[in-house]
Amino acid sequence: MAIKLLCWNVEWMNDLFDGDGNFRPDSHKPQHAKSTTVKKRREQLAGVIDEIAAEVVVVVEGPNRTKELQLFFDTDVAGTWHTYIQNTKGATQCLGVAVRTDTGKFDDTMPLRSFNTAIDERFDDFMLDSEDDGIIELYKFERKPVYVELKLVNGERFRILGLHLKSKGIFDLLEWSKWWDKALSNRRKIFASAAHLREKFIELYYVENETKNIPLIVCGDINDGPGFDTSEKKIMGSGIERLMGDVWKPHTILGNALYDTYQSLDISTTRFTDPIFNYNYKFHYVWIDHILYTNTRPGWVSNGQIHTDMQEGKIWTVYKHASDHQPISAEINLEDRDA
């Protein structure tokens, strides 16, 4: 029984809702997308989800409240859905999960069980010597991870930890040396969050009785790709590589669904304009969205895809108002081991 999991940074979905959790008027121009309307964004976001035929959607940059995400899926997306938003106090870009419940693939009673990471000490602010230089610094998660367990109709379960780590983007005009300081600071925050997640969550997940036999997906917008960029060379650390694991503990290394498919580090999931040459010289294409998985069950995650081509053309042409990120997906196969 295959389940299609979609992970997508939907870019400021909160702009679609008013203070009461209702949709803004169709003609309203979203705060962060003035060239379009709420109606057009809703249509295009739903169009992508429907076309990909996802059965689980991990939403990055979602709205603030579960009722808002539920309203979107109830109104705009085909099928019947159960949704959950992990709220982060003071944030306007939250993480969420939606599960399609009318396919006969999920448990009728409790398809989705959520864990509130806002009250889980593993996701509290933390102290870390991120550069092994004896200086211990305070870090925090910009957005609380979303953590859920999904139960299939055959009794099998798997869990999802959805992430949106600190952005590398620098959106202010800064003196050159300050720009580099900011770039270095952002990389430290990404690496520190990845290291903390690895130590306090993933490593323990493999050995704790409650979780060690439950497959885990770790996915989202990590804001980091393979290798070291200029700033990462200074701190000798890569967020995504730290998150995936330690070569000296190969049994705990997380697989990467996109790499499994493409067998290349030269792929991309988003693009951004060049901040030095007046934002119009060229696009930079980067791979920062990932679907990782525990290797506790052979072959349970497969067919990782970056959705660049849709039925009527390229996604950024056909659905140009949906998001600045390309959606990524994978297939989950968990057969009943007792069958």
Protein backbone atom coordinates (compact mmCIF):
# COMPACT_ATOMS: atom_id res chain seq x y z
CA MET A 1 0.00 0.00 0.00
CA ALA A 2 1.71 3.17 -1.21
CA ILE A 3 1.19 6.56 0.43
CA LYS A 4 2.30 9.68 -1.43
CA LEU A 5 3.88 12.20 0.93
CA LEU A 6 4.25 15.78 -0.28
CA CYS A 7 6.53 18.28 1.48
CA TRP A 8 6.17 21.87 0.32
CA ASN A 9 7.11 25.36 1.42
CA VAL A 10 3.90 27.12 0.35
CA GLU A 11 5.33 30.65 0.89
CA TRP A 12 3.44 32.86 3.34
CA MET A 13 0.16 30.95 3.37
CA ASN A 14 -0.83 33.02 6.39
CA ASP A 15 -1.45 35.95 4.01
CA LEU A 16 -4.62 34.21 2.79
CA PHE A 17 -6.43 34.54 6.15
CA ASP A 18 -7.80 37.40 8.22
CA GLY A 19 -7.56 37.85 11.97
CA ASP A 20 -10.63 35.68 12.57
CA GLY A 21 -9.23 32.75 10.60
CA ASN A 22 -11.43 33.26 7.53
CA PHE A 23 -10.24 33.69 3.96
CA ARG A 24 -9.51 37.26 2.94
CA PRO A 25 -11.63 38.54 0.02
CA ASP A 26 -10.89 36.95 -3.36
CA SER A 27 -9.60 40.24 -4.78
CA HIS A 28 -7.32 41.01 -1.81
CA LYS A 29 -3.63 41.28 -2.71
CA PRO A 30 -1.54 39.19 -0.31
CA GLN A 31 1.01 41.12 1.72
CA HIS A 32 3.96 39.20 0.32
CA ALA A 33 2.64 38.70 -3.22
CA LYS A 34 1.19 41.99 -4.45
CA SER A 35 1.20 40.89 -8.09
CA THR A 36 -1.61 38.39 -7.52
CA THR A 37 -4.77 37.87 -5.48
CA VAL A 38 -5.92 35.62 -2.65
CA LYS A 39 -8.22 33.79 -5.07
CA LYS A 40 -5.42 33.08 -7.53
CA ARG A 41 -3.04 31.87 -4.82
CA ARG A 42 -5.68 29.56 -3.34
CA GLU A 43 -6.46 28.12 -6.76
CA GLN A 44 -2.84 27.50 -7.61
CA LEU A 45 -1.83 26.03 -4.25
CA ALA A 46 -4.77 23.63 -4.42
CA GLY A 47 -4.08 22.90 -8.08
CA VAL A 48 -0.59 21.68 -7.32
CA ILE A 49 -1.71 19.47 -4.42
CA ASP A 50 -4.52 17.96 -6.49
CA GLU A 51 -2.32 17.34 -9.51
CA ILE A 52 0.38 15.61 -7.47
CA ALA A 53 -2.39 13.56 -5.78
CA ALA A 54 -0.78 13.76 -2.36
CA GLU A 55 -2.23 11.81 0.56
CA VAL A 56 -0.04 13.41 3.23
CA VAL A 57 1.07 17.02 2.97
CA VAL A 58 3.74 18.55 5.20
CA VAL A 59 3.10 22.29 5.00
CA VAL A 60 5.99 24.71 5.50
CA GLU A 61 5.19 28.43 5.94
CA GLY A 62 1.62 27.48 6.74
CA PRO A 63 -0.96 29.58 8.60
CA ASN A 64 -1.04 30.16 12.36
CA ARG A 65 -4.04 28.05 13.28
CA THR A 66 -5.28 24.55 12.56
CA LYS A 67 -8.73 25.86 11.65
CA GLU A 68 -7.18 27.95 8.85
CA LEU A 69 -5.35 25.01 7.32
CA GLN A 70 -8.49 22.90 7.71
CA LEU A 71 -10.55 25.60 5.96
CA PHE A 72 -8.18 25.60 3.00
CA PHE A 73 -8.23 21.82 2.58
CA ASP A 74 -12.00 21.60 3.15
CA THR A 75 -12.76 24.37 0.65
CA ASP A 76 -10.11 24.17 -2.05
CA VAL A 77 -8.51 20.71 -2.16
CA ALA A 78 -10.16 17.54 -3.43
CA GLY A 79 -10.97 14.90 -0.82
CA THR A 80 -11.54 14.78 2.93
CA TRP A 81 -8.67 15.85 5.15
CA HIS A 82 -7.55 15.93 8.78
CA THR A 83 -5.11 18.77 9.50
CA TYR A 84 -2.88 20.04 12.28
CA ILE A 85 -0.82 23.22 12.71
CA GLN A 86 2.01 23.49 15.23
CA ASN A 87 1.72 27.07 16.39
CA THR A 88 4.83 29.03 17.33
CA LYS A 89 4.23 32.04 19.57
CA GLY A 90 4.83 35.27 17.66
CA ALA A 91 5.47 33.51 14.33
CA THR A 92 3.55 33.97 11.09
CA GLN A 93 5.08 31.00 9.26
CA CYS A 94 4.06 27.79 11.02
CA LEU A 95 4.44 24.12 10.17
CA GLY A 96 1.55 21.75 9.64
CA VAL A 97 0.44 18.35 8.37
CA ALA A 98 -2.64 17.34 6.39
CA VAL A 99 -3.77 13.72 5.91
CA ARG A 100 -6.31 12.65 3.30
CA THR A 101 -8.76 10.35 5.07
CA ASP A 102 -11.17 9.29 2.30
CA THR A 103 -8.80 6.91 0.48
CA GLY A 104 -9.24 3.95 2.80
CA LYS A 105 -5.54 3.93 3.60
CA PHE A 106 -5.58 5.48 7.08
CA ASP A 107 -7.10 4.37 10.36
CA ASP A 108 -10.71 5.56 10.69
CA THR A 109 -10.51 6.34 14.40
CA MET A 110 -7.23 8.23 14.74
CA PRO A 111 -5.34 8.76 11.46
CA LEU A 112 -3.20 11.54 12.94
CA ARG A 113 -1.83 11.92 16.45
CA SER A 114 -0.08 15.21 17.18
CA PHE A 115 2.61 16.04 19.74
CA ASN A 116 2.76 19.66 20.90
CA THR A 117 6.40 20.65 20.47
CA ALA A 118 5.74 24.01 22.16
CA ILE A 119 5.69 22.17 25.49
CA ASP A 120 8.36 19.59 24.64
CA GLU A 121 11.67 20.50 26.28
CA ARG A 122 13.62 18.97 23.38
CA PHE A 123 12.50 21.92 21.28
CA ASP A 124 13.04 24.64 23.90
CA ASP A 125 15.81 27.23 23.63
CA PHE A 126 19.15 25.49 24.10
CA MET A 127 22.83 26.13 24.82
CA LEU A 128 25.46 24.77 22.45
CA ASP A 129 29.15 25.10 21.66
CA SER A 130 28.48 24.91 17.93
CA GLU A 131 32.09 25.48 16.81
CA ASP A 132 33.89 23.43 19.46
CA ASP A 133 35.74 26.57 20.59
CA GLY A 134 34.72 26.58 24.25
CA ILE A 135 32.13 29.33 23.70
CA ILE A 136 28.63 28.18 24.64
CA GLU A 137 25.87 30.19 22.98
CA LEU A 138 22.08 30.37 23.28
CA TYR A 139 19.98 29.23 20.30
CA LYS A 140 16.30 28.73 19.59
CA PHE A 141 14.02 27.26 16.94
CA GLU A 142 12.65 30.09 14.80
CA ARG A 143 9.61 27.89 14.10
CA LYS A 144 8.65 24.98 16.36
CA PRO A 145 8.86 21.68 14.47
CA VAL A 146 5.63 19.82 13.75
CA TYR A 147 5.68 16.27 15.12
CA VAL A 148 2.92 13.76 14.36
CA GLU A 149 2.24 10.06 14.15
CA LEU A 150 0.16 8.63 11.29
CA LYS A 151 -1.66 5.31 11.61
CA LEU A 152 -2.53 3.26 8.53
CA VAL A 153 -5.57 1.06 8.13
CA ASN A 154 -3.35 -2.04 8.38
CA GLY A 155 -2.17 -0.95 11.84
CA GLU A 156 1.27 0.21 10.72
CA ARG A 157 2.46 3.60 11.98
CA PHE A 158 5.10 6.13 11.04
CA ARG A 159 6.04 9.51 12.42
CA ILE A 160 6.91 12.81 10.78
CA LEU A 161 9.10 15.59 12.13
CA GLY A 162 8.58 18.64 9.92
CA LEU A 163 11.21 21.38 10.04
CA HIS A 164 11.77 24.92 8.87
CA LEU A 165 15.20 26.01 10.06
CA LYS A 166 16.61 29.53 10.11
CA SER A 167 16.78 31.21 6.71
CA LYS A 168 20.16 32.05 5.19
CA GLY A 169 18.56 35.02 3.43
CA ILE A 170 19.75 38.54 4.19
CA PHE A 171 17.08 41.06 3.30
CA ASP A 172 18.60 44.26 4.72
CA LEU A 173 21.08 46.67 3.17
CA LEU A 174 24.27 46.19 5.16
CA GLU A 175 27.86 47.35 5.02
CA TRP A 176 29.92 44.56 3.42
CA SER A 177 31.64 43.30 6.57
CA LYS A 178 28.33 43.31 8.46
CA TRP A 179 26.75 41.34 5.61
CA TRP A 180 29.35 38.61 6.04
CA ASP A 181 28.88 38.64 9.83
CA LYS A 182 25.15 38.14 9.31
CA ALA A 183 25.72 35.34 6.81
CA LEU A 184 28.02 33.56 9.28
CA SER A 185 25.52 34.02 12.11
CA ASN A 186 22.72 32.48 10.05
CA ARG A 187 24.82 29.41 9.25
CA ARG A 188 25.69 28.99 12.92
CA LYS A 189 22.00 28.97 13.80
CA ILE A 190 21.16 26.37 11.15
CA PHE A 191 24.05 24.13 12.19
CA ALA A 192 23.24 24.51 15.89
CA SER A 193 19.59 23.55 15.35
CA ALA A 194 20.61 20.53 13.28
CA ALA A 195 23.17 19.42 15.88
CA HIS A 196 20.65 19.81 18.69
CA LEU A 197 17.98 17.85 16.81
CA ARG A 198 20.49 15.13 16.06
CA GLU A 199 21.61 14.76 19.69
CA LYS A 200 18.37 15.33 21.57
CA PHE A 201 15.83 13.81 19.18
CA ILE A 202 17.10 11.61 16.34
CA GLU A 203 19.82 9.67 18.18
CA LEU A 204 17.39 8.94 21.01
CA TYR A 205 14.59 8.03 18.60
CA TYR A 206 16.65 5.03 17.46
CA VAL A 207 17.02 3.57 20.97
CA GLU A 208 13.98 4.57 23.03
CA ASN A 209 11.42 1.79 23.43
CA GLU A 210 8.50 4.02 22.46
CA THR A 211 9.95 4.96 19.06
CA LYS A 212 12.74 2.63 17.95
CA ASN A 213 10.40 0.39 15.94
CA ILE A 214 8.35 3.22 14.38
CA PRO A 215 9.75 4.53 11.06
CA LEU A 216 10.43 8.27 11.01
CA ILE A 217 10.39 10.92 8.28
CA VAL A 218 12.34 14.14 8.89
CA CYS A 219 11.48 16.66 6.22
CA GLY A 220 10.99 20.31 5.39
CA ASP A 221 12.84 23.44 4.43
CA ILE A 222 16.21 22.93 6.09
CA ASN A 223 17.61 26.05 4.39
CA ASP A 224 20.79 24.13 3.67
CA GLY A 225 22.16 21.80 1.02
CA PRO A 226 25.09 19.42 0.65
CA GLY A 227 28.66 20.59 1.10
CA PHE A 228 30.08 23.77 2.57
CA ASP A 229 29.45 27.25 1.22
CA THR A 230 31.90 30.07 1.99
CA SER A 231 30.46 30.80 5.42
CA GLU A 232 30.08 27.13 6.34
CA LYS A 233 33.76 26.59 5.60
CA LYS A 234 34.53 29.05 8.40
CA ILE A 235 32.49 27.10 10.95
CA MET A 236 33.31 23.72 9.34
CA GLY A 237 29.73 22.60 9.56
CA SER A 238 26.78 21.83 7.28
CA GLY A 239 23.29 21.77 8.77
CA ILE A 240 21.82 19.12 6.48
CA GLU A 241 24.85 16.84 6.75
CA ARG A 242 24.83 17.12 10.55
CA LEU A 243 21.12 16.34 10.56
CA MET A 244 21.59 13.25 8.37
CA GLY A 245 24.13 11.79 10.77
CA ASP A 246 27.61 10.60 11.63
CA VAL A 247 29.59 8.32 9.30
CA TRP A 248 30.91 6.56 12.41
CA LYS A 249 27.32 5.55 13.30
CA PRO A 250 26.13 4.30 9.91
CA HIS A 251 23.08 2.52 11.34
CA THR A 252 21.67 5.89 12.49
CA ILE A 253 22.30 7.86 9.29
CA LEU A 254 19.11 9.17 7.70
CA GLY A 255 18.47 8.34 4.07
CA ASN A 256 17.71 11.17 1.63
CA ALA A 257 14.80 10.39 -0.71
CA LEU A 258 15.78 12.94 -3.36
CA TYR A 259 19.38 11.79 -3.51
CA ASP A 260 18.20 8.18 -3.78
CA THR A 261 16.36 9.12 -6.98
CA TYR A 262 18.68 11.63 -8.65
CA GLN A 263 22.06 10.35 -7.41
CA SER A 264 23.36 13.90 -7.71
CA LEU A 265 24.16 16.86 -5.48
CA ASP A 266 23.51 19.25 -8.36
CA ILE A 267 19.74 19.54 -8.01
CA SER A 268 17.54 22.38 -6.79
CA THR A 269 14.22 22.93 -5.05
CA THR A 270 14.06 26.73 -5.05
CA ARG A 271 15.66 29.81 -6.56
CA PHE A 272 16.35 33.36 -5.51
CA THR A 273 17.49 36.49 -7.24
CA ASP A 274 21.01 37.75 -6.78
CA PRO A 275 21.05 40.25 -3.87
CA ILE A 276 24.25 41.94 -5.06
CA PHE A 277 23.37 42.73 -8.67
CA ASN A 278 20.13 44.63 -8.08
CA TYR A 279 18.05 41.47 -7.72
CA ASN A 280 17.86 41.02 -11.49
CA TYR A 281 21.20 39.72 -12.72
CA LYS A 282 20.36 36.03 -12.47
CA PHE A 283 18.74 33.38 -10.31
CA HIS A 284 20.61 31.17 -7.91
CA TYR A 285 19.21 27.64 -7.80
CA VAL A 286 19.67 25.73 -4.53
CA TRP A 287 18.64 22.45 -2.91
CA ILE A 288 17.33 23.23 0.57
CA ASP A 289 14.14 21.14 0.86
CA HIS A 290 14.64 17.53 1.94
CA ILE A 291 12.83 14.30 2.80
CA LEU A 292 14.99 12.22 5.15
CA TYR A 293 14.08 8.88 6.70
CA THR A 294 15.27 6.30 9.20
CA ASN A 295 16.70 3.10 7.77
CA THR A 296 14.92 0.81 10.23
CA ARG A 297 12.74 -0.75 7.50
CA PRO A 298 14.30 -1.61 4.11
CA GLY A 299 12.75 0.12 1.13
CA TRP A 300 9.93 1.84 2.99
CA VAL A 301 10.66 5.24 1.36
CA SER A 302 11.14 5.45 -2.41
CA ASN A 303 10.56 7.48 -5.56
CA GLY A 304 11.70 10.85 -4.24
CA GLN A 305 10.68 13.57 -6.70
CA ILE A 306 11.15 17.30 -7.26
CA HIS A 307 8.02 18.44 -9.09
CA THR A 308 9.30 20.78 -11.80
CA ASP A 309 7.00 19.61 -14.60
CA MET A 310 3.23 19.66 -14.35
CA GLN A 311 0.61 18.48 -16.83
CA GLU A 312 0.51 21.79 -18.70
CA GLY A 313 4.15 22.86 -18.40
CA LYS A 314 6.79 23.98 -15.93
CA ILE A 315 5.47 24.55 -12.42
CA TRP A 316 6.81 28.12 -12.15
CA THR A 317 5.00 28.94 -15.40
CA VAL A 318 1.70 27.12 -14.91
CA TYR A 319 1.47 27.85 -11.17
CA LYS A 320 3.63 30.97 -10.95
CA HIS A 321 1.69 32.40 -8.00
CA ALA A 322 1.73 29.24 -5.88
CA SER A 323 5.18 29.32 -4.27
CA ASP A 324 8.84 30.11 -4.81
CA HIS A 325 9.67 26.53 -3.81
CA GLN A 326 9.11 23.45 -5.91
CA PRO A 327 7.18 20.73 -4.07
CA ILE A 328 8.99 17.50 -3.26
CA SER A 329 7.45 14.09 -2.63
CA ALA A 330 8.17 10.46 -1.83
CA GLU A 331 6.25 7.19 -1.60
CA ILE A 332 5.78 5.47 1.74
CA ASN A 333 5.26 1.68 1.74
CA LEU A 334 4.56 -0.01 5.06
CA GLU A 335 3.05 -3.45 4.74
CA ASP A 336 1.73 -5.25 7.78
CA ARG A 337 4.65 -7.39 8.95
CA ASP A 338 2.31 -9.87 10.62
CA ALA A 339 0.23 -10.43 7.46
